[in-house]
N, C-alpha and C. Protein backbone atom coordinates (compact mmCIF):
# COMPACT_ATOMS: atom_id res chain seq x y z
N MET A 1 142.73 34.15 261.22
CA MET A 1 143.37 35.21 260.44
C MET A 1 143.09 36.56 261.08
N ALA A 2 143.96 37.53 260.82
CA ALA A 2 143.83 38.85 261.42
C ALA A 2 142.53 39.52 261.00
N SER A 3 141.98 40.30 261.94
CA SER A 3 140.74 41.02 261.68
C SER A 3 140.74 42.30 262.50
N ILE A 4 140.08 43.32 261.99
CA ILE A 4 139.94 44.58 262.74
C ILE A 4 139.22 44.32 264.06
N TYR A 5 138.43 43.25 264.12
CA TYR A 5 137.70 42.91 265.34
C TYR A 5 138.65 42.75 266.53
N GLN A 6 139.91 42.42 266.28
CA GLN A 6 140.86 42.24 267.37
C GLN A 6 141.18 43.55 268.09
N LEU A 7 140.80 44.68 267.49
CA LEU A 7 141.00 45.98 268.14
C LEU A 7 139.85 46.33 269.07
N LYS A 8 138.83 45.47 269.13
CA LYS A 8 137.62 45.78 269.89
C LYS A 8 137.87 46.08 271.36
N PRO A 9 138.72 45.32 272.07
CA PRO A 9 138.94 45.63 273.49
C PRO A 9 139.42 47.06 273.73
N ALA A 10 140.36 47.52 272.91
CA ALA A 10 140.86 48.89 273.08
C ALA A 10 139.76 49.90 272.76
N PHE A 11 138.96 49.63 271.75
CA PHE A 11 137.84 50.51 271.38
C PHE A 11 136.83 50.57 272.51
N GLN A 12 136.56 49.42 273.14
CA GLN A 12 135.62 49.38 274.25
C GLN A 12 136.12 50.21 275.43
N ASN A 13 137.41 50.17 275.69
CA ASN A 13 137.96 50.95 276.80
C ASN A 13 137.72 52.45 276.61
N LEU A 14 137.81 52.90 275.36
CA LEU A 14 137.56 54.31 275.08
C LEU A 14 136.09 54.67 275.30
N LEU A 15 135.21 53.70 275.04
CA LEU A 15 133.76 53.96 275.12
C LEU A 15 133.18 53.68 276.51
N ARG A 16 133.97 53.10 277.40
CA ARG A 16 133.43 52.69 278.70
C ARG A 16 132.85 53.85 279.52
N PRO A 17 133.49 55.04 279.58
CA PRO A 17 132.87 56.14 280.32
C PRO A 17 131.49 56.53 279.78
N LEU A 18 131.35 56.58 278.45
CA LEU A 18 130.06 56.89 277.85
C LEU A 18 129.04 55.80 278.17
N THR A 19 129.50 54.56 278.17
CA THR A 19 128.60 53.44 278.49
C THR A 19 128.07 53.56 279.91
N ARG A 20 128.94 53.93 280.85
CA ARG A 20 128.50 54.10 282.24
C ARG A 20 127.47 55.23 282.35
N ALA A 21 127.71 56.30 281.60
CA ALA A 21 126.77 57.43 281.64
C ALA A 21 125.41 57.03 281.08
N LEU A 22 125.40 56.23 280.01
CA LEU A 22 124.14 55.78 279.44
C LEU A 22 123.40 54.85 280.40
N ALA A 23 124.15 53.99 281.07
CA ALA A 23 123.53 53.09 282.04
C ALA A 23 122.91 53.90 283.20
N ALA A 24 123.62 54.93 283.63
CA ALA A 24 123.09 55.78 284.71
C ALA A 24 121.84 56.52 284.28
N ALA A 25 121.73 56.78 282.97
CA ALA A 25 120.55 57.48 282.43
C ALA A 25 119.43 56.50 282.07
N HIS A 26 119.61 55.23 282.46
CA HIS A 26 118.60 54.17 282.24
C HIS A 26 118.39 53.86 280.74
N VAL A 27 119.43 54.07 279.94
CA VAL A 27 119.40 53.65 278.54
C VAL A 27 119.79 52.18 278.51
N THR A 28 118.97 51.36 277.89
CA THR A 28 119.24 49.92 277.88
C THR A 28 120.03 49.50 276.64
N ALA A 29 120.57 48.29 276.72
CA ALA A 29 121.30 47.75 275.58
C ALA A 29 120.39 47.63 274.35
N ASN A 30 119.15 47.24 274.57
CA ASN A 30 118.21 47.11 273.45
C ASN A 30 117.91 48.45 272.81
N HIS A 31 117.86 49.52 273.61
CA HIS A 31 117.67 50.86 273.05
C HIS A 31 118.80 51.20 272.09
N VAL A 32 120.02 50.90 272.49
CA VAL A 32 121.20 51.21 271.66
C VAL A 32 121.20 50.38 270.39
N THR A 33 120.83 49.10 270.51
CA THR A 33 120.75 48.23 269.32
C THR A 33 119.74 48.78 268.33
N GLN A 34 118.59 49.21 268.83
CA GLN A 34 117.55 49.76 267.96
C GLN A 34 117.98 51.08 267.34
N ALA A 35 118.73 51.88 268.09
CA ALA A 35 119.23 53.15 267.55
C ALA A 35 120.19 52.90 266.39
N ALA A 36 121.05 51.89 266.53
CA ALA A 36 122.00 51.56 265.46
C ALA A 36 121.27 51.13 264.20
N LEU A 37 120.22 50.33 264.37
CA LEU A 37 119.44 49.89 263.21
C LEU A 37 118.70 51.06 262.57
N GLY A 38 118.13 51.93 263.39
CA GLY A 38 117.43 53.09 262.86
C GLY A 38 118.35 54.01 262.08
N LEU A 39 119.55 54.25 262.61
CA LEU A 39 120.52 55.10 261.91
C LEU A 39 120.91 54.48 260.57
N SER A 40 121.14 53.18 260.54
CA SER A 40 121.52 52.50 259.31
C SER A 40 120.43 52.59 258.25
N CYS A 41 119.18 52.41 258.67
CA CYS A 41 118.06 52.49 257.74
C CYS A 41 117.91 53.90 257.20
N LEU A 42 118.11 54.90 258.05
CA LEU A 42 117.97 56.29 257.63
C LEU A 42 119.02 56.65 256.58
N VAL A 43 120.27 56.35 256.88
CA VAL A 43 121.35 56.71 255.95
C VAL A 43 121.25 55.88 254.67
N GLY A 44 120.95 54.60 254.80
CA GLY A 44 120.77 53.77 253.61
C GLY A 44 119.63 54.27 252.75
N GLY A 45 118.56 54.74 253.37
CA GLY A 45 117.43 55.29 252.63
C GLY A 45 117.80 56.54 251.86
N VAL A 46 118.63 57.39 252.47
CA VAL A 46 119.07 58.62 251.80
C VAL A 46 119.91 58.28 250.56
N ILE A 47 120.84 57.33 250.71
CA ILE A 47 121.68 56.93 249.57
C ILE A 47 120.82 56.30 248.47
N ALA A 48 119.84 55.48 248.86
CA ALA A 48 118.96 54.86 247.87
C ALA A 48 118.10 55.89 247.15
N ARG A 49 117.70 56.94 247.87
CA ARG A 49 116.84 57.98 247.29
C ARG A 49 117.60 58.84 246.30
N TYR A 50 118.90 59.06 246.55
CA TYR A 50 119.71 59.92 245.67
C TYR A 50 120.99 59.19 245.25
N PRO A 51 120.88 58.11 244.50
CA PRO A 51 122.07 57.29 244.17
C PRO A 51 123.07 57.99 243.27
N ASP A 52 122.64 59.04 242.56
CA ASP A 52 123.55 59.74 241.66
C ASP A 52 124.37 60.82 242.36
N ARG A 53 124.05 61.12 243.59
CA ARG A 53 124.78 62.15 244.34
C ARG A 53 125.94 61.49 245.08
N THR A 54 127.08 61.47 244.42
CA THR A 54 128.25 60.79 244.98
C THR A 54 128.68 61.40 246.31
N SER A 55 128.45 62.68 246.49
CA SER A 55 128.86 63.33 247.74
C SER A 55 128.16 62.73 248.95
N LEU A 56 126.97 62.16 248.75
CA LEU A 56 126.25 61.57 249.88
C LEU A 56 126.94 60.32 250.40
N LEU A 57 127.85 59.75 249.60
CA LEU A 57 128.59 58.59 250.08
C LEU A 57 129.48 58.93 251.28
N LEU A 58 129.74 60.22 251.46
CA LEU A 58 130.53 60.64 252.62
C LEU A 58 129.78 60.39 253.93
N LEU A 59 128.47 60.16 253.84
CA LEU A 59 127.71 59.81 255.04
C LEU A 59 128.08 58.43 255.56
N LEU A 60 128.52 57.57 254.66
CA LEU A 60 128.71 56.16 255.01
C LEU A 60 129.84 55.93 256.02
N PRO A 61 131.05 56.48 255.82
CA PRO A 61 132.13 56.20 256.78
C PRO A 61 131.78 56.63 258.21
N GLY A 62 131.24 57.83 258.35
CA GLY A 62 130.87 58.30 259.68
C GLY A 62 129.78 57.45 260.31
N THR A 63 128.80 57.07 259.50
CA THR A 63 127.71 56.23 260.00
C THR A 63 128.23 54.87 260.45
N LEU A 64 129.13 54.30 259.67
CA LEU A 64 129.69 53.00 260.02
C LEU A 64 130.50 53.08 261.32
N PHE A 65 131.22 54.18 261.51
CA PHE A 65 131.98 54.35 262.74
C PHE A 65 131.04 54.47 263.94
N ILE A 66 130.00 55.29 263.79
CA ILE A 66 129.03 55.45 264.87
C ILE A 66 128.36 54.12 265.18
N ARG A 67 128.02 53.39 264.12
CA ARG A 67 127.37 52.10 264.32
C ARG A 67 128.26 51.11 265.06
N MET A 68 129.54 51.09 264.71
CA MET A 68 130.47 50.21 265.42
C MET A 68 130.56 50.59 266.90
N ALA A 69 130.54 51.92 267.16
CA ALA A 69 130.56 52.37 268.54
C ALA A 69 129.29 51.93 269.28
N LEU A 70 128.14 52.07 268.63
CA LEU A 70 126.88 51.66 269.25
C LEU A 70 126.86 50.15 269.49
N ASN A 71 127.41 49.39 268.54
CA ASN A 71 127.46 47.94 268.71
C ASN A 71 128.33 47.55 269.90
N ALA A 72 129.44 48.26 270.08
CA ALA A 72 130.30 47.99 271.23
C ALA A 72 129.60 48.38 272.53
N ILE A 73 128.91 49.51 272.50
CA ILE A 73 128.23 50.00 273.71
C ILE A 73 127.11 49.07 274.13
N ASP A 74 126.31 48.58 273.16
CA ASP A 74 125.19 47.71 273.57
C ASP A 74 125.71 46.42 274.21
N GLY A 75 126.83 45.92 273.71
CA GLY A 75 127.43 44.73 274.31
C GLY A 75 127.92 44.98 275.73
N MET A 76 128.57 46.13 275.94
CA MET A 76 129.06 46.45 277.27
C MET A 76 127.92 46.71 278.25
N LEU A 77 126.87 47.37 277.76
CA LEU A 77 125.71 47.58 278.63
C LEU A 77 125.12 46.24 279.07
N ALA A 78 125.03 45.31 278.13
CA ALA A 78 124.45 44.01 278.44
C ALA A 78 125.32 43.23 279.44
N ARG A 79 126.62 43.18 279.17
CA ARG A 79 127.51 42.35 279.99
C ARG A 79 127.87 43.00 281.32
N GLU A 80 128.17 44.29 281.28
CA GLU A 80 128.74 44.95 282.45
C GLU A 80 127.72 45.65 283.33
N HIS A 81 126.48 45.76 282.83
CA HIS A 81 125.45 46.46 283.61
C HIS A 81 124.18 45.61 283.76
N ASP A 82 124.38 44.31 283.73
CA ASP A 82 123.31 43.35 284.02
C ASP A 82 122.07 43.58 283.16
N MET A 83 122.27 43.71 281.85
CA MET A 83 121.15 43.92 280.93
C MET A 83 121.02 42.80 279.91
N GLN A 84 121.67 41.67 280.16
CA GLN A 84 121.60 40.57 279.23
C GLN A 84 120.23 39.90 279.26
N THR A 85 119.60 39.80 278.10
CA THR A 85 118.31 39.13 277.99
C THR A 85 118.31 38.28 276.72
N LYS A 86 117.41 37.32 276.65
CA LYS A 86 117.29 36.51 275.44
C LYS A 86 116.83 37.35 274.26
N LEU A 87 115.91 38.29 274.54
CA LEU A 87 115.47 39.20 273.48
C LEU A 87 116.64 40.04 272.98
N GLY A 88 117.47 40.50 273.89
CA GLY A 88 118.62 41.31 273.50
C GLY A 88 119.58 40.54 272.61
N ALA A 89 119.79 39.25 272.90
CA ALA A 89 120.68 38.44 272.07
C ALA A 89 120.14 38.31 270.65
N ILE A 90 118.81 38.14 270.55
CA ILE A 90 118.19 38.05 269.22
C ILE A 90 118.30 39.37 268.48
N LEU A 91 117.98 40.46 269.18
CA LEU A 91 118.04 41.78 268.55
C LEU A 91 119.46 42.12 268.11
N ASN A 92 120.44 41.72 268.90
CA ASN A 92 121.83 42.03 268.58
C ASN A 92 122.26 41.37 267.28
N GLU A 93 121.95 40.07 267.14
CA GLU A 93 122.37 39.35 265.93
C GLU A 93 121.57 39.80 264.71
N LEU A 94 120.26 39.89 264.86
CA LEU A 94 119.44 40.31 263.72
C LEU A 94 119.70 41.77 263.37
N GLY A 95 119.92 42.60 264.38
CA GLY A 95 120.17 44.02 264.14
C GLY A 95 121.42 44.24 263.31
N ASP A 96 122.47 43.45 263.57
CA ASP A 96 123.71 43.59 262.79
C ASP A 96 123.47 43.26 261.33
N VAL A 97 122.78 42.15 261.08
CA VAL A 97 122.54 41.72 259.70
C VAL A 97 121.64 42.72 258.97
N LEU A 98 120.59 43.18 259.65
CA LEU A 98 119.68 44.14 259.02
C LEU A 98 120.36 45.48 258.78
N SER A 99 121.20 45.91 259.71
CA SER A 99 121.92 47.18 259.55
C SER A 99 122.89 47.12 258.38
N ASP A 100 123.61 46.00 258.28
CA ASP A 100 124.51 45.82 257.13
C ASP A 100 123.74 45.90 255.81
N SER A 101 122.63 45.19 255.76
CA SER A 101 121.83 45.16 254.53
C SER A 101 121.30 46.55 254.19
N ALA A 102 120.83 47.26 255.21
CA ALA A 102 120.25 48.59 255.00
C ALA A 102 121.29 49.59 254.50
N LEU A 103 122.54 49.43 254.94
CA LEU A 103 123.59 50.37 254.54
C LEU A 103 124.24 50.01 253.21
N TYR A 104 124.41 48.71 252.94
CA TYR A 104 125.19 48.30 251.78
C TYR A 104 124.34 48.05 250.53
N LEU A 105 123.13 47.53 250.69
CA LEU A 105 122.30 47.26 249.51
C LEU A 105 122.04 48.51 248.65
N PRO A 106 121.81 49.69 249.25
CA PRO A 106 121.60 50.88 248.42
C PRO A 106 122.77 51.20 247.50
N LEU A 107 123.96 50.71 247.83
CA LEU A 107 125.12 50.96 246.95
C LEU A 107 124.94 50.29 245.59
N ALA A 108 124.09 49.28 245.53
CA ALA A 108 123.82 48.62 244.25
C ALA A 108 123.15 49.57 243.28
N LEU A 109 122.53 50.64 243.79
CA LEU A 109 121.87 51.64 242.95
C LEU A 109 122.83 52.74 242.50
N VAL A 110 123.98 52.83 243.15
CA VAL A 110 124.96 53.88 242.83
C VAL A 110 125.72 53.47 241.57
N PRO A 111 125.74 54.32 240.54
CA PRO A 111 126.35 53.95 239.25
C PRO A 111 127.79 53.45 239.33
N ALA A 112 128.55 53.91 240.32
CA ALA A 112 129.96 53.53 240.41
C ALA A 112 130.16 52.07 240.81
N PHE A 113 129.12 51.45 241.38
CA PHE A 113 129.24 50.09 241.90
C PHE A 113 128.61 49.07 240.96
N ASN A 114 129.24 47.91 240.88
CA ASN A 114 128.64 46.77 240.18
C ASN A 114 127.55 46.20 241.09
N HIS A 115 126.30 46.29 240.65
CA HIS A 115 125.20 45.93 241.54
C HIS A 115 125.21 44.46 241.92
N TRP A 116 125.66 43.60 241.01
CA TRP A 116 125.70 42.17 241.33
C TRP A 116 126.72 41.87 242.41
N LEU A 117 127.85 42.55 242.36
CA LEU A 117 128.87 42.35 243.39
C LEU A 117 128.38 42.84 244.75
N VAL A 118 127.68 43.96 244.75
CA VAL A 118 127.15 44.49 246.02
C VAL A 118 126.14 43.51 246.61
N VAL A 119 125.21 43.05 245.79
CA VAL A 119 124.20 42.11 246.27
C VAL A 119 124.87 40.81 246.76
N GLY A 120 125.85 40.34 246.00
CA GLY A 120 126.57 39.14 246.41
C GLY A 120 127.27 39.31 247.75
N LEU A 121 127.86 40.49 247.97
CA LEU A 121 128.54 40.76 249.23
C LEU A 121 127.57 40.81 250.40
N VAL A 122 126.40 41.37 250.17
CA VAL A 122 125.40 41.45 251.24
C VAL A 122 124.93 40.04 251.61
N ILE A 123 124.72 39.20 250.60
CA ILE A 123 124.31 37.81 250.87
C ILE A 123 125.41 37.09 251.64
N LEU A 124 126.66 37.26 251.22
CA LEU A 124 127.76 36.60 251.92
C LEU A 124 127.95 37.16 253.32
N ALA A 125 127.64 38.45 253.51
CA ALA A 125 127.73 39.04 254.84
C ALA A 125 126.78 38.33 255.80
N VAL A 126 125.58 38.03 255.31
CA VAL A 126 124.62 37.29 256.13
C VAL A 126 125.17 35.90 256.46
N LEU A 127 125.75 35.24 255.47
CA LEU A 127 126.29 33.90 255.68
C LEU A 127 127.49 33.91 256.62
N VAL A 128 128.31 34.96 256.53
CA VAL A 128 129.44 35.10 257.45
C VAL A 128 128.96 35.15 258.89
N GLU A 129 127.95 35.99 259.14
CA GLU A 129 127.43 36.10 260.51
C GLU A 129 126.72 34.82 260.94
N MET A 130 126.04 34.16 260.00
CA MET A 130 125.39 32.89 260.33
C MET A 130 126.44 31.85 260.71
N ALA A 131 127.55 31.83 259.99
CA ALA A 131 128.62 30.88 260.30
C ALA A 131 129.18 31.13 261.69
N GLY A 132 129.18 32.39 262.11
CA GLY A 132 129.65 32.70 263.47
C GLY A 132 128.66 32.25 264.53
N VAL A 133 127.38 32.45 264.27
CA VAL A 133 126.35 32.11 265.25
C VAL A 133 126.11 30.62 265.34
N VAL A 134 126.15 29.94 264.19
CA VAL A 134 125.83 28.51 264.17
C VAL A 134 126.84 27.70 264.97
N ALA A 135 128.00 28.27 265.24
CA ALA A 135 128.99 27.58 266.07
C ALA A 135 128.41 27.22 267.43
N ILE A 136 127.54 28.09 267.93
CA ILE A 136 126.94 27.83 269.24
C ILE A 136 126.11 26.55 269.22
N GLN A 137 125.48 26.27 268.09
CA GLN A 137 124.62 25.08 267.99
C GLN A 137 125.39 23.77 268.09
N ILE A 138 126.69 23.80 267.80
CA ILE A 138 127.47 22.57 267.87
C ILE A 138 128.40 22.57 269.08
N GLY A 139 128.11 23.46 270.03
CA GLY A 139 128.85 23.46 271.28
C GLY A 139 130.09 24.31 271.32
N ALA A 140 130.31 25.12 270.31
CA ALA A 140 131.46 26.02 270.28
C ALA A 140 131.01 27.43 270.66
N ALA A 141 131.96 28.34 270.80
CA ALA A 141 131.65 29.72 271.15
C ALA A 141 131.31 30.51 269.89
N ARG A 142 130.58 31.60 270.04
CA ARG A 142 130.31 32.52 268.93
C ARG A 142 131.62 32.88 268.28
N ASN A 143 131.70 32.72 266.96
CA ASN A 143 132.98 32.86 266.26
C ASN A 143 133.06 34.19 265.52
N TYR A 144 134.19 34.88 265.68
CA TYR A 144 134.38 36.18 265.03
C TYR A 144 135.61 36.20 264.13
N ALA A 145 136.05 35.04 263.68
CA ALA A 145 137.26 34.97 262.86
C ALA A 145 137.11 35.77 261.57
N GLY A 146 138.25 36.26 261.06
CA GLY A 146 138.29 37.02 259.83
C GLY A 146 138.64 36.13 258.64
N PRO A 147 139.06 36.75 257.56
CA PRO A 147 139.53 38.14 257.43
C PRO A 147 138.47 39.16 256.99
N MET A 148 137.20 38.78 256.84
CA MET A 148 136.21 39.74 256.38
C MET A 148 134.97 39.64 257.26
N GLY A 149 135.16 39.99 258.54
CA GLY A 149 134.05 40.04 259.47
C GLY A 149 133.34 41.38 259.38
N LYS A 150 132.45 41.62 260.33
CA LYS A 150 131.63 42.83 260.31
C LYS A 150 132.47 44.11 260.29
N SER A 151 133.47 44.18 261.15
CA SER A 151 134.30 45.38 261.23
C SER A 151 135.13 45.58 259.98
N ASP A 152 135.61 44.47 259.42
CA ASP A 152 136.42 44.54 258.19
C ASP A 152 135.57 45.01 257.01
N ARG A 153 134.34 44.50 256.93
CA ARG A 153 133.42 44.96 255.87
C ARG A 153 133.16 46.45 256.00
N ALA A 154 132.92 46.88 257.23
CA ALA A 154 132.63 48.29 257.46
C ALA A 154 133.81 49.16 257.03
N PHE A 155 135.03 48.73 257.38
CA PHE A 155 136.22 49.51 256.99
C PHE A 155 136.35 49.57 255.47
N ALA A 156 136.17 48.42 254.80
CA ALA A 156 136.35 48.38 253.35
C ALA A 156 135.29 49.21 252.63
N PHE A 157 134.02 49.01 252.97
CA PHE A 157 132.97 49.80 252.34
C PHE A 157 133.12 51.29 252.68
N GLY A 158 133.48 51.58 253.91
CA GLY A 158 133.64 52.97 254.32
C GLY A 158 134.76 53.66 253.56
N LEU A 159 135.88 52.94 253.34
CA LEU A 159 137.01 53.52 252.62
C LEU A 159 136.64 53.79 251.16
N ILE A 160 135.96 52.83 250.53
CA ILE A 160 135.54 53.02 249.13
C ILE A 160 134.61 54.22 249.02
N ALA A 161 133.64 54.30 249.93
CA ALA A 161 132.69 55.41 249.91
C ALA A 161 133.40 56.74 250.15
N LEU A 162 134.36 56.75 251.07
CA LEU A 162 135.10 57.98 251.36
C LEU A 162 135.87 58.46 250.14
N LEU A 163 136.57 57.56 249.47
CA LEU A 163 137.35 57.93 248.29
C LEU A 163 136.46 58.46 247.18
N LEU A 164 135.34 57.80 246.95
CA LEU A 164 134.41 58.27 245.91
C LEU A 164 133.79 59.61 246.31
N GLY A 165 133.42 59.73 247.57
CA GLY A 165 132.81 60.97 248.03
C GLY A 165 133.74 62.16 247.95
N LEU A 166 135.04 61.90 248.09
CA LEU A 166 136.04 62.97 248.01
C LEU A 166 136.44 63.30 246.58
N GLY A 167 135.89 62.54 245.63
CA GLY A 167 136.12 62.89 244.23
C GLY A 167 137.05 61.99 243.46
N LEU A 168 137.50 60.87 244.05
CA LEU A 168 138.34 59.95 243.29
C LEU A 168 137.51 59.36 242.14
N PRO A 169 138.04 59.41 240.92
CA PRO A 169 137.26 58.90 239.78
C PRO A 169 136.90 57.44 239.94
N GLU A 170 135.67 57.10 239.58
CA GLU A 170 135.26 55.70 239.63
C GLU A 170 135.97 54.93 238.52
N GLY A 171 136.04 53.63 238.68
CA GLY A 171 136.71 52.82 237.67
C GLY A 171 136.78 51.38 238.08
N ARG A 172 137.68 50.65 237.45
CA ARG A 172 137.78 49.22 237.71
C ARG A 172 138.29 48.92 239.11
N TRP A 173 138.91 49.91 239.76
CA TRP A 173 139.43 49.66 241.11
C TRP A 173 138.30 49.30 242.08
N ILE A 174 137.09 49.84 241.83
CA ILE A 174 135.97 49.52 242.71
C ILE A 174 135.56 48.06 242.53
N THR A 175 135.46 47.63 241.28
CA THR A 175 135.12 46.24 241.00
C THR A 175 136.17 45.30 241.57
N ALA A 176 137.44 45.68 241.45
CA ALA A 176 138.53 44.86 242.00
C ALA A 176 138.41 44.76 243.52
N ALA A 177 138.12 45.91 244.16
CA ALA A 177 138.01 45.92 245.63
C ALA A 177 136.84 45.05 246.09
N LEU A 178 135.71 45.17 245.41
CA LEU A 178 134.53 44.38 245.78
C LEU A 178 134.78 42.89 245.54
N SER A 179 135.49 42.57 244.47
CA SER A 179 135.80 41.18 244.18
C SER A 179 136.69 40.57 245.25
N ILE A 180 137.67 41.34 245.70
CA ILE A 180 138.55 40.87 246.78
C ILE A 180 137.74 40.66 248.06
N MET A 181 136.83 41.60 248.36
CA MET A 181 135.97 41.46 249.53
C MET A 181 135.11 40.20 249.44
N LEU A 182 134.64 39.92 248.23
CA LEU A 182 133.82 38.73 248.01
C LEU A 182 134.63 37.46 248.32
N LEU A 183 135.85 37.42 247.80
CA LEU A 183 136.71 36.27 248.02
C LEU A 183 137.04 36.11 249.51
N LEU A 184 137.37 37.21 250.16
CA LEU A 184 137.71 37.16 251.59
C LEU A 184 136.50 36.77 252.44
N SER A 185 135.31 37.11 251.98
CA SER A 185 134.10 36.69 252.69
C SER A 185 133.95 35.18 252.65
N LEU A 186 134.23 34.59 251.49
CA LEU A 186 134.18 33.13 251.37
C LEU A 186 135.21 32.47 252.27
N VAL A 187 136.40 33.05 252.33
CA VAL A 187 137.45 32.53 253.21
C VAL A 187 137.00 32.62 254.67
N THR A 188 136.32 33.72 255.01
CA THR A 188 135.85 33.92 256.39
C THR A 188 134.82 32.86 256.78
N ILE A 189 133.89 32.57 255.88
CA ILE A 189 132.89 31.52 256.14
C ILE A 189 133.60 30.19 256.41
N TYR A 190 134.58 29.88 255.57
CA TYR A 190 135.34 28.64 255.74
C TYR A 190 136.07 28.64 257.09
N ASN A 191 136.73 29.74 257.42
CA ASN A 191 137.49 29.81 258.68
C ASN A 191 136.58 29.64 259.89
N ARG A 192 135.43 30.30 259.87
CA ARG A 192 134.53 30.21 261.02
C ARG A 192 133.97 28.80 261.18
N ALA A 193 133.62 28.17 260.07
CA ALA A 193 133.11 26.80 260.13
C ALA A 193 134.20 25.85 260.61
N ARG A 194 135.40 26.02 260.09
CA ARG A 194 136.52 25.13 260.46
C ARG A 194 136.86 25.28 261.94
N LEU A 195 136.95 26.51 262.43
CA LEU A 195 137.31 26.72 263.83
C LEU A 195 136.21 26.24 264.77
N ALA A 196 134.95 26.41 264.36
CA ALA A 196 133.84 25.93 265.18
C ALA A 196 133.88 24.42 265.31
N LEU A 197 134.13 23.73 264.19
CA LEU A 197 134.23 22.27 264.25
C LEU A 197 135.40 21.82 265.10
N ARG A 198 136.52 22.50 264.96
CA ARG A 198 137.69 22.13 265.78
C ARG A 198 137.40 22.31 267.25
N GLU A 199 136.76 23.42 267.61
CA GLU A 199 136.48 23.69 269.02
C GLU A 199 135.47 22.68 269.57
N SER A 200 134.48 22.32 268.77
CA SER A 200 133.45 21.40 269.25
C SER A 200 134.00 20.00 269.49
N ARG A 201 135.08 19.65 268.79
CA ARG A 201 135.68 18.32 268.94
C ARG A 201 136.68 18.23 270.09
N SER A 202 137.15 19.38 270.54
CA SER A 202 138.22 19.37 271.55
C SER A 202 137.70 19.35 272.97
C-alpha cells in the first residue's frame, strides 16, 4: 500500500550535499543517529513538562521533519561513505523506536488527546517496526510497507500537533484521527508480515 516512505529517494537527493559535507567533517552515521534521539528526547521532555501549553505542540512538526532528515542522512552516511557497522544497525533500529516513543508518549499528557489511544499507537508503532525487522529473520528484506509506517506516523502526528498549536479547537476529530491511525497501524503490521512471508517463500 502507498506510504510517504516512497518519497524517500527524492528526499535523499536533496540531502546528499549536506551528507557529503558531514562526511568530510568526520561526522559518523552513529553521531547523527544519536543526535536524532537526543533531539526527540529533548522536545518530548518539554511537551511532557508543560502539557497544558498547546502552543508548544508547534515544536513537534519541525522536530519530526528534522528527525526524518537526520534518519535519511545517517543511512546515506552508512551506505555511501563506508560507515556501515553492526553497532550502527542496532542503533538505527532502536533509535527510531525510542525516538518515536519519546516524542509521542508525552502527548498522552496533553488534555486534547485520549491518553489510551496515544499509548496504544506507541505500542503499535513498536510492533510495526518489529514486523519490518523480523522479516530479515525469515530470509526476506527489511520491510517498509505502509500504510502507517514511520514517515506516515510522523506526518499524521505532526499535522494534528500543527493544527492544535495554531489554535484549531480540540474535539472529537482528534479521537477520530487517532483511531484511524490505530486501525492503519494494524493493517501495516499485517501487510509487513504477509509480504515478508511471501518473499521468504519465493
